[in-house]
Amino acid sequence: MRICHGFVILVLAMSSLGCGWMRRDSAWKVAVANHAGQLGYRNWIVVAEASLPAQNRPGIHQVTADVDVPEALDYVIYTLEQTQHVSPTLYLTRELRSLDNNLTPGIDEHRKHLKLALRSHETTEIEQESLLTLLADASRSFDVLVIRTPTALPYTSVFLELQPGYWDAESEARLREIISRERMERLARPAG
C-alpha cells in the first residue's frame, strides 16, 4: 500500500513537471490564442526580431517566443484565420527588401521561410520608423501584442493591424456613401 501511494505521488510529480515544461515552451502560443479571441479592429500584433525596441506603454503586452519570426508569424496568422471577427493587414519593413545576403548573411533563407509563413496574404511595405510611429499612436487607444523572437536579422519584424473579419473596406465605403446620400436627401427636403 505504501509503495503504491509513493508511486502515485511520483507519477503526479512527473506529470506536473511535464506540464510545467509544456507551459514554458508554449507560453507565447497561449498568449496569442488568448489575445486573438480578445483583440479586435484597430488592435495590433507585432512579431518582432530580437532588437526591436521594447515598448513600455500601457496596453502593450509583450511575450517572448522561442522560435524565429517566420514560425511565430505562421502560428499567429493560422490562429487569426481560425477567428471570424478579425483579419490581419500585414506590414513588412521597407528596409527588408533592400537587404542582401552579403550585407546580412541569412536574409535570403529568412525570406524563403517568411514567404511560406505569410500564407499568400498580401503585404504592404512601410519604413520601420513609420511603422513604429503607427504602433505608438495605436497603443494610446488600442491594445498591442508584441511577440519578441530570437531572430537576429535587422528589419525582419512583421506588423499586423487587425481589421474586422466580416467587414471589408469596400463594404465600409459603400455604407458611408449610403449614409452621405441619405444625409443629402434629408437636407434637400423642404421643411414642413
Protein backbone atom coordinates (compact mmCIF):
# COMPACT_ATOMS: atom_id res chain seq x y z
CA MET A 1 0.00 0.00 0.00
CA ARG A 2 2.78 2.37 0.96
CA ILE A 3 4.67 1.57 -2.27
CA CYS A 4 1.51 2.21 -4.31
CA HIS A 5 1.00 5.57 -2.57
CA GLY A 6 4.63 6.54 -3.26
CA PHE A 7 4.24 5.51 -6.90
CA VAL A 8 1.13 7.68 -7.29
CA ILE A 9 2.97 10.68 -5.81
CA LEU A 10 5.92 10.07 -8.15
CA VAL A 11 3.64 9.87 -11.21
CA LEU A 12 1.80 13.03 -10.20
CA ALA A 13 5.07 14.89 -9.63
CA MET A 14 6.44 13.79 -13.00
CA SER A 15 3.24 14.73 -14.83
CA SER A 16 3.14 18.16 -13.22
CA LEU A 17 6.80 18.67 -14.16
CA GLY A 18 5.93 17.75 -17.75
CA CYS A 19 3.03 20.23 -17.77
CA GLY A 20 5.35 22.91 -16.44
CA TRP A 21 7.77 22.33 -19.26
CA MET A 22 4.96 22.41 -21.78
CA ARG A 23 3.63 25.70 -20.40
CA ARG A 24 7.04 27.38 -20.59
CA ASP A 25 7.66 26.22 -24.15
CA SER A 26 4.29 27.42 -25.42
CA ALA A 27 3.51 30.43 -23.22
CA TRP A 28 3.70 32.72 -26.24
CA LYS A 29 1.25 30.47 -28.13
CA VAL A 30 -1.18 30.64 -25.20
CA ALA A 31 -0.84 34.44 -25.19
CA VAL A 32 -1.52 34.57 -28.95
CA ALA A 33 -4.56 32.29 -28.61
CA ASN A 34 -5.93 34.32 -25.69
CA HIS A 35 -5.32 37.67 -27.35
CA ALA A 36 -6.66 36.56 -30.75
CA GLY A 37 -10.03 35.97 -29.12
CA GLN A 38 -9.97 39.35 -27.35
CA LEU A 39 -8.32 41.67 -29.87
CA GLY A 40 -10.48 43.43 -32.41
CA TYR A 41 -10.49 46.12 -35.03
CA ARG A 42 -7.51 48.52 -34.78
CA ASN A 43 -5.54 46.33 -32.38
CA TRP A 44 -2.05 45.31 -33.47
CA ILE A 45 0.19 42.27 -33.21
CA VAL A 46 3.92 42.57 -33.85
CA VAL A 47 6.12 39.56 -34.46
CA ALA A 48 9.42 41.18 -33.56
CA GLU A 49 13.04 40.45 -34.27
CA ALA A 50 15.34 40.48 -31.27
CA SER A 51 16.44 44.13 -31.40
CA LEU A 52 13.07 45.80 -31.90
CA PRO A 53 12.80 48.40 -29.13
CA ALA A 54 10.81 47.21 -26.12
CA GLN A 55 7.62 49.17 -25.59
CA ASN A 56 6.55 50.28 -22.11
CA ARG A 57 3.16 51.89 -22.72
CA PRO A 58 0.03 50.62 -21.00
CA GLY A 59 -1.89 48.46 -23.45
CA ILE A 60 1.24 46.87 -24.89
CA HIS A 61 1.61 43.24 -23.90
CA GLN A 62 4.92 41.58 -24.62
CA VAL A 63 5.68 37.86 -24.68
CA THR A 64 8.85 36.05 -25.66
CA ALA A 65 8.81 33.24 -28.20
CA ASP A 66 11.50 30.63 -28.55
CA VAL A 67 11.09 30.43 -32.34
CA ASP A 68 12.15 32.75 -35.16
CA VAL A 69 9.91 35.33 -36.84
CA PRO A 70 8.59 33.12 -39.69
CA GLU A 71 7.49 30.31 -37.36
CA ALA A 72 5.86 32.69 -34.88
CA LEU A 73 4.18 34.58 -37.74
CA ASP A 74 2.85 31.35 -39.22
CA TYR A 75 1.24 30.49 -35.89
CA VAL A 76 -0.22 33.99 -35.47
CA ILE A 77 -1.73 34.03 -38.96
CA TYR A 78 -3.08 30.49 -38.54
CA THR A 79 -4.67 31.48 -35.23
CA LEU A 80 -6.23 34.61 -36.72
CA GLU A 81 -7.56 32.59 -39.66
CA GLN A 82 -9.48 30.46 -37.15
CA THR A 83 -11.37 33.51 -35.88
CA GLN A 84 -14.23 35.17 -37.72
CA HIS A 85 -14.07 38.56 -36.05
CA VAL A 86 -10.66 39.81 -37.22
CA SER A 87 -8.40 39.60 -40.23
CA PRO A 88 -4.85 40.98 -40.44
CA THR A 89 -3.40 43.67 -42.66
CA LEU A 90 0.28 42.75 -42.82
CA TYR A 91 3.14 45.23 -42.96
CA LEU A 92 6.77 44.41 -43.70
CA THR A 93 9.55 46.91 -43.26
CA ARG A 94 10.59 48.64 -46.48
CA GLU A 95 14.23 48.12 -45.47
CA LEU A 96 13.84 44.33 -45.69
CA ARG A 97 13.60 44.49 -49.49
CA SER A 98 17.00 46.20 -49.76
CA LEU A 99 18.93 43.78 -47.56
CA ASP A 100 21.07 41.19 -49.31
CA ASN A 101 22.97 38.14 -48.12
CA ASN A 102 26.34 39.95 -48.41
CA LEU A 103 25.17 42.68 -46.05
CA THR A 104 23.01 40.45 -43.88
CA PRO A 105 24.01 36.76 -44.01
CA GLY A 106 20.95 34.53 -43.70
CA ILE A 107 18.43 37.06 -45.04
CA ASP A 108 17.73 35.10 -48.25
CA GLU A 109 16.86 31.97 -46.26
CA HIS A 110 14.74 34.09 -43.92
CA ARG A 111 12.78 35.50 -46.89
CA LYS A 112 12.01 31.97 -48.12
CA HIS A 113 10.60 30.98 -44.73
CA LEU A 114 8.76 34.30 -44.42
CA LYS A 115 7.04 33.82 -47.79
CA LEU A 116 5.66 30.46 -46.62
CA ALA A 117 4.60 31.90 -43.26
CA LEU A 118 2.64 34.70 -44.94
CA ARG A 119 0.22 32.06 -46.28
CA SER A 120 -0.45 34.02 -49.51
CA HIS A 121 -1.58 37.13 -47.60
CA GLU A 122 -0.76 40.40 -49.32
CA THR A 123 1.70 42.69 -47.57
CA THR A 124 2.40 46.41 -47.58
CA GLU A 125 5.92 47.77 -47.17
CA ILE A 126 6.48 50.79 -44.93
CA GLU A 127 9.73 52.07 -43.43
CA GLN A 128 10.28 50.66 -39.95
CA GLU A 129 10.37 54.09 -38.30
CA SER A 130 6.92 54.88 -39.74
CA LEU A 131 5.59 51.52 -38.54
CA LEU A 132 6.90 52.24 -35.04
CA THR A 133 5.14 55.62 -35.14
CA LEU A 134 1.87 53.95 -36.21
CA LEU A 135 2.31 51.46 -33.38
CA ALA A 136 2.93 54.20 -30.82
CA ASP A 137 -0.20 56.04 -31.99
CA ALA A 138 -2.30 52.87 -31.90
CA SER A 139 -1.08 51.95 -28.41
CA ARG A 140 -2.53 55.17 -26.99
CA SER A 141 -6.06 53.83 -27.54
CA PHE A 142 -5.79 50.20 -28.54
CA ASP A 143 -4.07 47.03 -27.35
CA VAL A 144 -0.86 45.77 -28.95
CA LEU A 145 0.60 42.30 -28.55
CA VAL A 146 4.36 42.11 -29.20
CA ILE A 147 5.85 38.65 -29.69
CA ARG A 148 9.61 39.01 -29.29
CA THR A 149 11.60 36.31 -31.10
CA PRO A 150 15.31 35.44 -31.06
CA THR A 151 15.63 36.32 -34.78
CA ALA A 152 18.89 38.26 -35.13
CA LEU A 153 18.31 39.80 -38.56
CA PRO A 154 17.59 43.52 -38.88
CA TYR A 155 14.27 44.85 -40.19
CA THR A 156 12.56 41.45 -40.10
CA SER A 157 9.74 42.34 -37.71
CA VAL A 158 6.23 41.89 -39.11
CA PHE A 159 3.40 44.20 -38.06
CA LEU A 160 -0.23 43.08 -38.19
CA GLU A 161 -3.05 45.60 -37.92
CA LEU A 162 -6.32 43.87 -37.22
CA GLN A 163 -9.36 44.63 -39.33
CA PRO A 164 -12.91 43.33 -38.99
CA GLY A 165 -13.01 39.78 -40.31
CA TYR A 166 -16.57 40.03 -41.55
CA TRP A 167 -16.49 43.58 -42.92
CA ASP A 168 -14.07 44.90 -45.53
CA ALA A 169 -13.00 48.36 -46.70
CA GLU A 170 -15.21 48.17 -49.79
CA SER A 171 -18.31 47.44 -47.69
CA GLU A 172 -17.39 50.30 -45.35
CA ALA A 173 -17.02 52.70 -48.30
CA ARG A 174 -20.42 51.66 -49.68
CA LEU A 175 -22.05 52.15 -46.27
CA ARG A 176 -20.50 55.63 -45.92
CA GLU A 177 -21.77 56.50 -49.42
CA ILE A 178 -25.32 55.42 -48.48
CA ILE A 179 -25.20 57.45 -45.24
CA SER A 180 -23.90 60.50 -47.09
CA ARG A 181 -26.62 60.18 -49.75
CA GLU A 182 -29.33 59.84 -47.07
CA ARG A 183 -27.97 62.91 -45.28
CA MET A 184 -28.01 64.93 -48.50
CA GLU A 185 -31.58 63.77 -49.27
CA ARG A 186 -32.73 64.89 -45.80
CA LEU A 187 -31.10 68.28 -46.26
CA ALA A 188 -32.67 68.68 -49.71
CA ARG A 189 -36.23 68.01 -48.45
CA PRO A 190 -38.28 71.10 -47.83
CA ALA A 191 -39.07 71.76 -44.18
CA GLY A 192 -42.66 71.09 -43.45
